[in-house]
Amino acid sequence: MFLLWLFGSVMSVFHLSSGESVPVHTYSSGDIIIGGLFPMHAKTNKSTAGEWISCREYDLQMFLRTHVMIYAIREINQRTQRVLPNITLGYDIYDTCSDVSVAIRATLQLLNNPQSCLLPARIHSALPEPQIKAVIGERSSETSIAVARVLALTSVAQISYGSTSEVLSRKLKFPTFLRTIPSDEYQTKAIVELVKRFNWKSVAVVGSDDEYGKYGSDRLVDHFRKLEICIEFTEILPSHFSMNDSDTFNCLANLSKSINKSTAEAIILFTRQSNVEIIIERAIERKFNRTWIASDAWSTSKKISEMQNLKLAGKVFGFISKRNEVPGFKDYILSLLSRTTNATPEEYPTQYPLCTNQSEESKENNCQLTNHQDNSNHCLDLRCLANYIDQDESYNIYLAVQVIVEALRRLFKCENQQCERRNTSFTAAELLMEIQKVNFTVNSTHIYFNDKGDPYLGYDILYWNTSEPTQHAHITTIGEYSPNKEITLSNEFDENTNVTIYNCYKTCEPGQQLKHKEKNNMCCKICFPCAEGEFSPGGGECFIKGSHSRMARVL
């Protein structure tokens, strides 16, 4: 079902090196086609390639998420009680390979006539009406910004399942962009509320030089300064780390030094998962034992949570958009696999050969997915795929499909298996207006969009429990945050819980006082013994013996 595509000759496949492939494309016909943009590969080779672009590191998690869109559309078409009677939905899904230029190519393909979109015959003539009226995607904010500029040319609605940058809320620049994931405006507020709830007085902020990390870290810094919470250091890293790159090596060395000498009570990593993988590996190696706050880009990462000796890095709290299970999707995946017993299914990526003659003891190990192509001995039991169905981005994709269907139902005025409007011809602008006005409930999720195209959906607060006798962290939900409301935590993690080894909110032993270390920019003060002839009865300020006694301050 997944068909390989490439702009140009299909013979270019033979020029690819081992572990590389062309972007993936899949299509299913219907009366109305919904477009999809998914980064099914993590990288491209365009730094070394000439005319052709090849992709590397197939992402099995995105493979499953892509199938959520396919499943949701099939399920709508196969319902006995049809929401859109006598109308069949189809899909046209492209792999963006996590690359902006590939995503723009795919977007132009979806619009069906890229030449006329870019160069209209007459400068004042209207652009041709595209076949695709709505697109689900892209995942990253950086890519969505580029895609949104193209789709806005013909008023095509874009609904992202993973792009959280606040920049995309600017409707003058991105008038057709909406999302089923909260904006970072709310995520940064949620992180600040957690810091306040635990009464932390000092933090460190690590971002990255991209639309996600830069704007997110800037907003955090603004919030903390208004609250007079001390920011011990801020680091903005390259958008893409690579251990083969000397700049990355130097940045990582500098960051390690900053963390090692820091007394910050929490270190916030607001950057993409691939960067965090390298940072946490170093934290484990150096046994940093810190308290980390994970942004939604990596808070549910299996790859990081399954790192060996993770507890040496310290404790991890995280935020993820409100999670829910896609109804029936796990059974769909299992049934898909059961129909392909003893054979590789057509959709299954060839980079991961199937395991054969597996013993019961080895099955658990084979469920650990990896994106590294150099592991030629790696194989996977197909039954393990169902274990890797997430409940955040997958559910957001499912919501996006439901939103488009609800907008179509409103557009055609369908009720009780009948549609008042029988002509299925409509413009992208008409559908966009209906999408912007949806206000309904999907399962237990009430979804509608504000004038910025953002939903009012909250966050789950996560904790990575490494106390259990397993090789990896068990990610548990310990609370929730709703926009413009206070954080709610379980009793296990109330405000009195000591969650960090560095605590600015403290007193010293009698005979000591709190003060900053000389030539030190650290936020937390340190306990120093009083000088000879001075005393401190409560472990606060030191006073000359015989002077008027005052109560020690608690800082």
Protein backbone atom coordinates (compact mmCIF):
# COMPACT_ATOMS: atom_id res chain seq x y z
CA MET A 1 0.00 0.00 0.00
CA PHE A 2 2.85 2.38 0.71
CA LEU A 3 4.22 3.32 -2.72
CA LEU A 4 7.71 4.74 -3.19
CA TRP A 5 7.87 8.02 -5.03
CA LEU A 6 10.58 10.39 -6.17
CA PHE A 7 10.57 13.57 -8.21
CA GLY A 8 12.24 12.34 -11.38
CA SER A 9 13.18 8.90 -12.53
CA VAL A 10 12.36 5.86 -10.41
CA MET A 11 15.72 4.50 -11.48
CA SER A 12 17.32 6.85 -8.94
CA VAL A 13 16.58 4.17 -6.34
CA PHE A 14 19.63 2.30 -7.56
CA HIS A 15 21.91 5.21 -6.61
CA LEU A 16 21.02 4.96 -2.92
CA SER A 17 23.49 3.62 -0.42
CA SER A 18 22.65 1.00 2.19
CA GLY A 19 20.11 2.19 4.76
CA GLU A 20 18.73 4.91 2.49
CA SER A 21 15.41 5.09 0.67
CA VAL A 22 13.16 7.49 -1.17
CA PRO A 23 10.30 9.33 0.58
CA VAL A 24 7.22 7.19 1.14
CA HIS A 25 3.84 7.93 -0.47
CA THR A 26 0.45 6.25 -0.12
CA TYR A 27 -2.87 7.08 -1.78
CA SER A 28 -6.46 5.89 -1.57
CA SER A 29 -9.19 7.25 -3.82
CA GLY A 30 -12.45 8.81 -2.64
CA ASP A 31 -15.00 11.51 -3.35
CA ILE A 32 -13.08 13.81 -1.01
CA ILE A 33 -9.33 13.42 -0.49
CA ILE A 34 -7.58 14.44 2.74
CA GLY A 35 -3.86 15.18 2.52
CA GLY A 36 -1.31 14.02 5.07
CA LEU A 37 2.28 15.04 5.89
CA PHE A 38 4.29 12.76 8.18
CA PRO A 39 8.07 12.60 8.88
CA MET A 40 8.35 8.85 8.35
CA HIS A 41 12.12 9.23 8.00
CA ALA A 42 14.24 11.18 10.48
CA LYS A 43 16.90 12.53 8.09
CA THR A 44 17.86 13.16 4.47
CA ASN A 45 21.21 12.93 2.69
CA LYS A 46 20.85 16.29 0.95
CA SER A 47 24.14 17.51 2.39
CA THR A 48 25.92 14.96 0.21
CA ALA A 49 23.43 14.25 -2.55
CA GLY A 50 23.27 16.15 -5.80
CA GLU A 51 20.07 16.04 -7.79
CA TRP A 52 18.32 13.26 -5.85
CA ILE A 53 17.14 13.30 -2.26
CA SER A 54 17.19 10.10 -0.26
CA CYS A 55 15.94 9.56 3.27
CA ARG A 56 17.44 7.78 6.26
CA GLU A 57 16.35 6.32 9.59
CA TYR A 58 12.80 5.07 9.11
CA ASP A 59 10.71 5.97 12.17
CA LEU A 60 8.48 3.09 13.23
CA GLN A 61 6.57 5.33 15.64
CA MET A 62 5.59 7.58 12.74
CA PHE A 63 4.68 4.47 10.73
CA LEU A 64 2.06 3.70 13.37
CA ARG A 65 0.87 7.30 13.56
CA THR A 66 0.41 7.40 9.80
CA HIS A 67 -1.78 4.35 10.11
CA VAL A 68 -3.98 6.23 12.61
CA MET A 69 -5.03 8.58 9.80
CA ILE A 70 -5.63 5.66 7.43
CA TYR A 71 -7.57 3.76 10.09
CA ALA A 72 -9.74 6.76 11.05
CA ILE A 73 -10.71 7.41 7.42
CA ARG A 74 -11.47 3.72 6.78
CA GLU A 75 -13.55 3.54 9.95
CA ILE A 76 -15.66 6.53 8.87
CA ASN A 77 -16.21 5.00 5.42
CA GLN A 78 -17.23 1.62 6.89
CA ARG A 79 -19.66 2.80 9.58
CA THR A 80 -23.17 1.45 9.30
CA GLN A 81 -24.56 4.81 10.40
CA ARG A 82 -22.68 7.07 8.01
CA VAL A 83 -21.80 10.60 9.12
CA LEU A 84 -21.42 11.52 5.44
CA PRO A 85 -23.93 9.33 3.59
CA ASN A 86 -23.04 8.55 -0.04
CA ILE A 87 -19.67 10.30 0.34
CA THR A 88 -16.40 8.35 0.50
CA LEU A 89 -13.21 9.80 1.95
CA GLY A 90 -9.76 9.06 0.56
CA TYR A 91 -6.23 10.06 1.53
CA ASP A 92 -3.01 11.22 -0.07
CA ILE A 93 -0.13 10.88 2.40
CA TYR A 94 3.46 11.99 1.88
CA ASP A 95 6.66 11.37 3.82
CA THR A 96 8.47 14.65 4.58
CA CYS A 97 11.67 12.95 5.81
CA SER A 98 11.85 15.58 8.58
CA ASP A 99 13.04 18.08 5.99
CA VAL A 100 11.47 21.44 5.07
CA SER A 101 12.32 21.27 1.36
CA VAL A 102 10.90 17.74 1.02
CA ALA A 103 7.75 18.89 2.85
CA ILE A 104 7.28 21.82 0.47
CA ARG A 105 7.62 19.48 -2.52
CA ALA A 106 5.01 17.19 -1.03
CA THR A 107 2.71 20.15 -0.34
CA LEU A 108 2.91 21.27 -3.96
CA GLN A 109 2.12 17.72 -5.04
CA LEU A 110 -0.98 17.78 -2.82
CA LEU A 111 -2.10 21.02 -4.44
CA ASN A 112 -1.92 19.10 -7.72
CA ASN A 113 -0.60 21.91 -9.90
CA PRO A 114 2.60 23.37 -8.46
CA GLN A 115 3.49 25.42 -11.55
CA SER A 116 0.24 27.39 -11.53
CA CYS A 117 0.42 27.84 -7.75
CA LEU A 118 3.81 29.48 -7.98
CA LEU A 119 3.49 31.28 -11.33
CA PRO A 120 -0.09 32.21 -12.26
CA ALA A 121 -0.55 33.18 -15.89
CA ARG A 122 -1.69 36.67 -14.92
CA ILE A 123 -0.53 38.26 -11.71
CA HIS A 124 -4.07 39.31 -10.73
CA SER A 125 -5.74 36.02 -11.67
CA ALA A 126 -7.09 33.71 -8.99
CA LEU A 127 -5.11 30.60 -8.19
CA PRO A 128 -6.73 27.36 -9.38
CA GLU A 129 -8.87 25.49 -6.86
CA PRO A 130 -6.80 22.60 -5.46
CA GLN A 131 -8.10 19.02 -5.38
CA ILE A 132 -7.05 18.65 -1.72
CA LYS A 133 -9.14 20.85 0.56
CA ALA A 134 -7.52 19.97 3.92
CA VAL A 135 -4.12 18.63 5.06
CA ILE A 136 -3.22 16.89 8.32
CA GLY A 137 0.34 17.70 9.38
CA GLU A 138 3.16 18.45 9.70
CA ARG A 139 4.66 17.35 12.98
CA SER A 140 7.44 19.88 13.65
CA SER A 141 6.77 23.60 13.99
CA GLU A 142 9.65 24.52 11.70
CA THR A 143 8.21 22.42 8.86
CA SER A 144 4.63 23.47 9.51
CA ILE A 145 5.59 27.13 9.20
CA ALA A 146 6.93 26.53 5.69
CA VAL A 147 3.96 24.35 4.70
CA ALA A 148 1.44 26.85 6.11
CA ARG A 149 2.78 29.62 3.89
CA VAL A 150 2.19 27.47 0.78
CA LEU A 151 -1.25 26.16 1.78
CA ALA A 152 -2.47 29.65 2.62
CA LEU A 153 -2.12 30.57 -1.09
CA THR A 154 -5.26 28.57 -1.89
CA SER A 155 -7.02 28.70 1.53
CA VAL A 156 -6.37 25.00 2.23
CA ALA A 157 -6.93 24.16 5.91
CA GLN A 158 -3.91 22.70 7.69
CA ILE A 159 -4.42 20.82 10.97
CA SER A 160 -1.21 19.87 12.76
CA TYR A 161 -1.01 17.08 15.32
CA GLY A 162 2.39 18.04 16.74
CA SER A 163 3.42 21.64 15.92
CA THR A 164 3.26 23.72 19.10
CA SER A 165 5.17 26.94 18.34
CA GLU A 166 3.36 30.13 19.36
CA VAL A 167 4.38 31.71 16.05
CA LEU A 168 1.78 29.59 14.26
CA SER A 169 -0.98 31.30 16.26
CA ARG A 170 -0.40 34.53 14.33
CA LYS A 171 -3.37 34.47 11.97
CA LEU A 172 -2.17 37.35 9.79
CA LYS A 173 0.79 35.19 8.80
CA PHE A 174 -0.82 31.75 8.98
CA PRO A 175 -4.55 32.21 8.32
CA THR A 176 -5.32 28.57 7.43
CA PHE A 177 -3.33 26.87 10.22
CA LEU A 178 -5.05 25.03 13.10
CA ARG A 179 -3.92 22.28 15.45
CA THR A 180 -5.21 19.57 17.74
CA ILE A 181 -2.32 20.05 20.18
CA PRO A 182 -2.04 23.01 22.57
CA SER A 183 0.23 25.93 21.76
CA ASP A 184 3.50 26.35 23.64
CA GLU A 185 1.91 29.43 25.15
CA TYR A 186 0.07 27.01 27.46
CA GLN A 187 2.91 24.52 27.84
CA THR A 188 5.35 27.15 29.10
CA LYS A 189 2.70 28.37 31.57
CA ALA A 190 2.23 24.78 32.74
CA ILE A 191 5.97 24.33 33.31
CA VAL A 192 6.13 27.57 35.29
CA GLU A 193 3.16 26.46 37.41
CA LEU A 194 4.97 23.19 38.25
CA VAL A 195 8.07 25.12 39.33
CA LYS A 196 5.88 27.32 41.54
CA ARG A 197 4.03 24.31 42.95
CA PHE A 198 7.27 22.65 44.08
CA ASN A 199 8.46 26.00 45.43
CA TRP A 200 11.66 25.93 43.41
CA LYS A 201 13.56 29.20 43.41
CA SER A 202 16.13 28.47 40.70
CA VAL A 203 16.06 26.85 37.26
CA ALA A 204 18.18 26.38 34.14
CA VAL A 205 16.69 26.56 30.65
CA VAL A 206 18.08 24.66 27.67
CA GLY A 207 16.53 25.30 24.26
CA SER A 208 17.54 24.93 20.62
CA ASP A 209 17.97 27.24 17.68
CA ASP A 210 14.70 26.40 15.93
CA GLU A 211 11.08 27.51 16.00
CA TYR A 212 10.22 25.08 18.81
CA GLY A 213 13.17 25.46 21.15
CA LYS A 214 13.95 29.14 20.70
CA TYR A 215 10.44 30.52 21.21
CA GLY A 216 9.67 28.06 23.99
CA SER A 217 12.81 28.86 25.98
CA ASP A 218 12.35 32.63 25.42
CA ARG A 219 8.82 32.47 26.78
CA LEU A 220 9.99 30.46 29.83
CA VAL A 221 12.67 33.05 30.59
CA ASP A 222 10.06 35.84 30.38
CA HIS A 223 7.72 34.03 32.78
CA PHE A 224 10.43 33.24 35.34
CA ARG A 225 11.79 36.80 35.37
CA LYS A 226 8.33 38.22 36.08
CA LEU A 227 8.04 35.83 39.03
CA GLU A 228 11.59 36.62 40.20
CA ILE A 229 12.58 32.97 39.92
CA CYS A 230 16.33 32.85 39.41
CA ILE A 231 17.54 31.52 36.04
CA GLU A 232 20.99 30.19 36.71
CA PHE A 233 21.90 29.71 33.06
CA THR A 234 20.29 29.57 29.64
CA GLU A 235 21.73 27.57 26.75
CA ILE A 236 20.52 27.67 23.13
CA LEU A 237 21.90 24.64 21.32
CA PRO A 238 22.06 23.86 17.57
CA SER A 239 18.71 22.66 16.23
CA HIS A 240 20.24 19.31 15.23
CA PHE A 241 22.91 17.64 17.30
CA SER A 242 25.32 15.26 15.62
CA MET A 243 28.09 13.51 17.50
CA ASN A 244 30.19 13.60 14.32
CA ASP A 245 30.09 17.39 14.34
CA SER A 246 32.78 19.38 16.18
CA ASP A 247 30.39 22.24 17.03
CA THR A 248 28.02 19.78 18.70
CA PHE A 249 30.89 18.30 20.67
CA ASN A 250 31.92 21.75 21.92
CA CYS A 251 28.33 22.75 22.76
CA LEU A 252 27.81 19.52 24.69
CA ALA A 253 31.07 20.02 26.59
CA ASN A 254 30.06 23.57 27.57
CA LEU A 255 26.59 22.44 28.60
CA SER A 256 28.06 19.65 30.73
CA LYS A 257 30.27 22.16 32.53
CA SER A 258 27.30 24.45 33.18
CA ILE A 259 25.21 21.61 34.57
CA ASN A 260 28.06 20.20 36.65
CA LYS A 261 28.68 23.44 38.54
CA SER A 262 25.02 24.48 38.67
CA THR A 263 22.88 24.48 41.79
CA ALA A 264 19.66 24.99 39.79
CA GLU A 265 16.80 23.05 41.32
CA ALA A 266 15.42 22.01 37.92
CA ILE A 267 16.86 21.88 34.40
CA ILE A 268 14.26 22.40 31.66
CA LEU A 269 15.06 20.79 28.29
CA PHE A 270 12.87 22.48 25.68
CA THR A 271 14.26 20.91 22.53
CA ARG A 272 13.72 18.03 20.16
CA GLN A 273 14.08 14.40 21.24
CA SER A 274 17.20 13.66 19.18
CA ASN A 275 19.09 16.42 21.02
CA VAL A 276 17.89 15.25 24.43
CA GLU A 277 19.08 11.71 23.72
CA ILE A 278 22.67 12.98 23.53
CA ILE A 279 22.30 15.21 26.59
CA ILE A 280 20.82 12.47 28.78
CA GLU A 281 23.46 9.97 27.63
CA ARG A 282 26.09 12.42 28.88
CA ALA A 283 24.12 12.97 32.11
CA ILE A 284 24.12 9.21 32.75
CA GLU A 285 27.81 8.96 31.96
CA ARG A 286 28.63 11.83 34.34
CA LYS A 287 26.12 10.71 36.99
CA PHE A 288 24.64 14.21 37.19
CA ASN A 289 21.64 13.12 39.33
CA ARG A 290 19.60 16.25 38.56
CA THR A 291 15.91 17.07 38.32
CA TRP A 292 14.87 17.48 34.67
CA ILE A 293 11.67 18.92 33.21
CA ALA A 294 10.78 17.46 29.81
CA SER A 295 8.85 19.40 27.19
CA ASP A 296 6.31 17.49 25.12
CA ALA A 297 8.92 16.81 22.41
CA TRP A 298 10.51 14.08 24.56
CA SER A 299 8.41 13.57 27.69
CA THR A 300 7.07 10.19 26.48
CA SER A 301 10.16 9.06 24.55
CA LYS A 302 10.61 5.31 24.83
CA LYS A 303 14.12 5.56 23.46
CA ILE A 304 15.21 7.86 26.29
CA SER A 305 13.13 6.26 29.05
CA GLU A 306 14.62 2.86 28.18
CA MET A 307 18.24 4.02 28.43
CA GLN A 308 20.29 1.84 30.75
CA ASN A 309 21.15 3.32 34.15
CA LEU A 310 18.78 6.24 33.55
CA LYS A 311 18.43 6.83 37.29
CA LEU A 312 22.04 8.10 37.30
CA ALA A 313 20.85 11.11 35.29
CA GLY A 314 18.27 11.92 37.97
CA LYS A 315 14.53 12.50 38.15
CA VAL A 316 12.37 13.48 35.18
CA PHE A 317 9.07 15.33 35.16
CA GLY A 318 7.32 16.05 31.89
CA PHE A 319 4.35 17.50 30.07
CA ILE A 320 2.32 15.99 27.25
CA SER A 321 -0.95 17.09 25.68
CA LYS A 322 -3.97 15.33 27.20
CA ARG A 323 -3.75 11.70 26.20
CA ASN A 324 -6.41 9.30 25.11
CA GLU A 325 -6.63 5.98 23.33
CA VAL A 326 -7.68 5.88 19.70
CA PRO A 327 -10.75 3.62 19.91
CA GLY A 328 -10.26 0.35 18.06
CA PHE A 329 -6.81 1.20 16.68
CA LYS A 330 -4.88 -1.44 18.61
CA ASP A 331 -7.26 -4.15 17.39
CA TYR A 332 -6.82 -2.78 13.86
CA ILE A 333 -3.02 -3.10 14.08
CA LEU A 334 -3.26 -6.60 15.52
CA SER A 335 -5.67 -7.68 12.79
CA LEU A 336 -3.38 -6.15 10.17
CA LEU A 337 -0.52 -8.24 11.48
CA SER A 338 -2.59 -11.41 11.79
CA ARG A 339 -3.39 -11.22 8.07
CA THR A 340 0.32 -11.24 7.25
CA THR A 341 1.50 -14.19 9.34
CA ASN A 342 4.85 -15.61 8.21
CA ALA A 343 5.31 -12.83 5.68
CA THR A 344 6.35 -9.20 5.76
CA PRO A 345 3.27 -6.99 5.27
CA GLU A 346 3.39 -4.62 2.34
CA GLU A 347 3.40 -1.61 4.63
CA TYR A 348 6.16 -2.91 6.88
CA PRO A 349 9.53 -1.16 6.46
CA THR A 350 12.23 -3.42 5.06
CA GLN A 351 14.87 -1.83 7.33
CA TYR A 352 13.54 -4.05 10.14
CA PRO A 353 13.65 -7.73 9.16
CA LEU A 354 11.25 -9.99 10.97
CA CYS A 355 12.57 -12.20 13.72
CA THR A 356 12.23 -15.94 13.20
CA ASN A 357 12.25 -18.81 15.72
CA GLN A 358 12.16 -16.48 18.68
CA SER A 359 12.39 -17.94 22.15
CA GLU A 360 10.03 -16.66 24.84
CA GLU A 361 12.99 -15.13 26.71
CA SER A 362 14.09 -13.01 23.75
CA LYS A 363 10.72 -11.55 22.83
CA GLU A 364 10.94 -8.69 25.32
CA ASN A 365 14.30 -7.54 23.93
CA ASN A 366 12.99 -7.60 20.38
CA CYS A 367 10.27 -5.14 21.34
CA GLN A 368 12.81 -2.35 21.70
CA LEU A 369 12.49 -0.31 18.52
CA THR A 370 15.50 1.51 17.13
CA ASN A 371 16.05 3.96 14.33
CA HIS A 372 19.72 3.16 13.80
CA GLN A 373 20.37 1.59 10.43
CA ASP A 374 23.84 0.37 11.31
CA ASN A 375 22.44 -2.36 13.55
CA SER A 376 22.24 -5.04 10.88
CA ASN A 377 21.48 -7.75 13.42
CA HIS A 378 18.35 -6.04 14.70
CA CYS A 379 15.03 -7.68 14.05
CA LEU A 380 11.53 -7.21 15.40
CA ASP A 381 8.59 -9.39 16.23
CA LEU A 382 5.58 -7.86 14.45
CA ARG A 383 3.45 -8.40 17.54
CA CYS A 384 5.56 -5.81 19.33
CA LEU A 385 4.28 -2.98 17.16
CA ALA A 386 1.04 -2.75 19.14
CA ASN A 387 3.09 -2.05 22.29
CA TYR A 388 4.38 1.14 20.72
CA ILE A 389 1.06 2.83 20.01
CA ASP A 390 1.20 6.18 21.78
CA GLN A 391 -1.80 8.05 23.19
CA ASP A 392 -0.78 11.64 22.48
CA GLU A 393 0.16 12.38 18.86
CA SER A 394 -1.82 9.38 17.65
CA TYR A 395 -4.92 10.72 19.36
CA ASN A 396 -4.24 14.19 17.97
CA ILE A 397 -4.18 12.73 14.45
CA TYR A 398 -7.44 10.92 15.14
CA LEU A 399 -8.96 14.19 16.38
CA ALA A 400 -7.81 15.99 13.22
CA VAL A 401 -9.66 13.49 11.02
CA GLN A 402 -12.80 13.82 13.16
CA VAL A 403 -12.62 17.63 12.96
CA ILE A 404 -12.51 17.54 9.14
CA VAL A 405 -15.41 15.08 9.03
CA GLU A 406 -17.48 17.23 11.38
CA ALA A 407 -16.75 20.29 9.22
CA LEU A 408 -17.82 18.36 6.10
CA ARG A 409 -21.00 17.28 7.88
CA ARG A 410 -21.75 20.93 8.67
CA LEU A 411 -20.86 22.00 5.13
CA PHE A 412 -23.21 19.46 3.51
CA LYS A 413 -25.80 19.87 6.30
CA CYS A 414 -26.00 16.14 7.00
CA GLU A 415 -28.38 14.75 9.65
CA ASN A 416 -30.08 11.38 10.11
CA GLN A 417 -28.39 9.73 7.12
CA GLN A 418 -29.36 12.54 4.77
CA CYS A 419 -27.53 15.60 3.47
CA GLU A 420 -29.38 18.74 2.52
CA ARG A 421 -26.60 19.80 0.19
CA ARG A 422 -26.16 17.12 -2.47
CA ASN A 423 -23.51 18.72 -4.67
CA THR A 424 -20.13 17.62 -3.29
CA SER A 425 -18.30 20.37 -5.15
CA PHE A 426 -16.98 22.97 -2.71
CA THR A 427 -14.01 25.28 -2.24
CA ALA A 428 -11.16 25.00 0.24
CA ALA A 429 -12.23 28.34 1.73
CA GLU A 430 -15.72 26.98 2.47
CA LEU A 431 -14.32 23.97 4.33
CA LEU A 432 -11.83 26.15 6.22
CA MET A 433 -14.66 28.32 7.56
CA GLU A 434 -16.54 25.27 8.81
CA ILE A 435 -13.42 23.78 10.44
CA GLN A 436 -12.84 27.03 12.32
CA LYS A 437 -16.40 26.85 13.72
CA VAL A 438 -16.50 23.20 14.90
CA ASN A 439 -17.56 22.71 18.50
CA PHE A 440 -18.27 19.09 19.40
CA THR A 441 -17.18 16.13 21.50
CA VAL A 442 -15.08 13.19 20.27
CA ASN A 443 -15.40 10.38 22.81
CA SER A 444 -14.62 12.32 26.01
CA THR A 445 -12.73 15.18 24.32
CA HIS A 446 -14.55 18.45 23.76
CA ILE A 447 -12.79 20.28 20.94
CA TYR A 448 -13.16 23.72 19.45
CA PHE A 449 -10.73 26.38 18.23
CA ASN A 450 -10.17 29.92 19.41
CA ASP A 451 -9.57 32.77 16.97
CA LYS A 452 -5.88 31.76 16.80
CA GLY A 453 -6.71 28.24 15.65
CA ASP A 454 -5.65 26.76 18.99
CA PRO A 455 -7.71 24.21 20.96
CA TYR A 456 -8.41 24.48 24.68
CA LEU A 457 -6.86 21.16 25.59
CA GLY A 458 -4.76 20.67 28.68
CA TYR A 459 -1.69 18.64 29.62
CA ASP A 460 -0.93 15.51 31.57
CA ILE A 461 1.95 15.89 34.03
CA LEU A 462 4.30 12.91 33.92
CA TYR A 463 6.92 11.40 36.22
CA TRP A 464 9.57 8.90 35.16
CA ASN A 465 9.67 6.31 37.93
CA THR A 466 13.08 4.57 38.03
CA SER A 467 12.59 2.97 41.44
CA GLU A 468 11.13 -0.24 40.03
CA PRO A 469 13.54 -3.16 39.40
CA THR A 470 13.50 -2.72 35.62
CA GLN A 471 16.03 -1.55 33.08
CA HIS A 472 13.98 1.49 32.12
CA ALA A 473 11.73 4.18 33.57
CA HIS A 474 8.03 3.64 34.01
CA ILE A 475 6.26 6.81 32.85
CA THR A 476 3.26 7.58 35.05
CA THR A 477 0.72 10.41 35.06
CA ILE A 478 0.86 12.33 38.36
CA GLY A 479 -1.39 15.28 37.58
CA GLU A 480 -2.85 17.60 34.99
CA TYR A 481 -2.90 21.20 33.86
CA SER A 482 -5.75 23.01 32.13
CA PRO A 483 -5.25 26.40 30.43
CA ASN A 484 -5.65 29.31 32.82
CA LYS A 485 -6.14 26.96 35.78
CA GLU A 486 -3.94 25.69 38.58
CA ILE A 487 -2.02 22.44 38.45
CA THR A 488 -3.64 19.41 40.03
CA LEU A 489 -1.26 16.78 41.44
CA SER A 490 -1.88 13.38 42.94
CA ASN A 491 -1.38 13.03 46.68
CA GLU A 492 1.96 11.31 46.05
CA PHE A 493 3.39 14.51 44.58
CA ASP A 494 2.01 17.36 46.64
CA GLU A 495 3.86 20.61 47.24
CA ASN A 496 5.65 19.24 50.30
CA THR A 497 7.44 16.50 48.40
CA ASN A 498 11.21 16.88 48.30
CA VAL A 499 11.87 16.29 44.60
CA THR A 500 15.33 17.77 44.14
CA ILE A 501 18.70 17.39 45.81
CA TYR A 502 19.27 21.11 45.26
CA ASN A 503 16.90 23.18 47.35
CA CYS A 504 17.24 26.97 47.68
CA TYR A 505 14.34 27.07 50.11
CA LYS A 506 16.29 26.03 53.21
CA THR A 507 17.90 27.07 56.49
CA CYS A 508 21.32 26.29 57.82
CA GLU A 509 22.46 24.65 61.02
CA PRO A 510 22.99 26.89 64.08
CA GLY A 511 26.35 28.63 63.77
CA GLN A 512 25.99 28.93 59.98
CA GLN A 513 24.56 31.52 57.61
CA LEU A 514 23.24 31.54 54.03
CA LYS A 515 25.18 33.62 51.53
CA HIS A 516 26.43 33.52 47.96
CA LYS A 517 29.81 32.07 47.25
CA GLU A 518 32.28 34.74 46.16
CA LYS A 519 32.78 35.18 42.38
CA ASN A 520 29.82 32.89 41.83
CA ASN A 521 26.73 33.52 39.71
CA MET A 522 24.79 30.64 41.20
CA CYS A 523 21.21 31.25 42.30
CA CYS A 524 21.26 29.30 45.54
CA LYS A 525 23.04 30.58 48.58
CA ILE A 526 25.33 28.22 50.47
CA CYS A 527 25.70 27.53 54.22
CA PHE A 528 28.92 29.05 55.58
CA PRO A 529 30.14 28.90 59.19
CA CYS A 530 29.95 32.16 61.11
CA ALA A 531 33.18 34.04 61.64
CA GLU A 532 34.96 33.93 64.98
CA GLY A 533 33.12 36.09 67.48
CA GLU A 534 29.78 35.76 65.65
CA PHE A 535 26.80 33.53 66.29
CA SER A 536 23.64 32.35 64.47
CA PRO A 537 21.07 30.80 66.82
CA GLY A 538 18.67 29.69 64.09
CA GLY A 539 20.98 28.98 61.20
CA GLY A 540 20.20 32.26 59.40
CA GLU A 541 22.26 35.46 59.63
CA CYS A 542 25.38 35.67 61.76
CA PHE A 543 25.58 38.39 64.42
CA ILE A 544 28.37 39.71 66.60
CA LYS A 545 28.05 38.25 70.04
CA GLY A 546 26.27 40.66 72.36
CA SER A 547 24.40 42.45 69.55
CA HIS A 548 20.60 42.55 69.39
CA SER A 549 19.28 39.11 68.42
CA ARG A 550 17.02 38.82 65.40
CA MET A 551 15.20 35.91 63.91
CA ALA A 552 17.08 34.28 61.07
CA ARG A 553 15.66 34.77 57.64
CA VAL A 554 14.37 31.87 55.60
CA LEU A 555 15.37 32.46 52.02
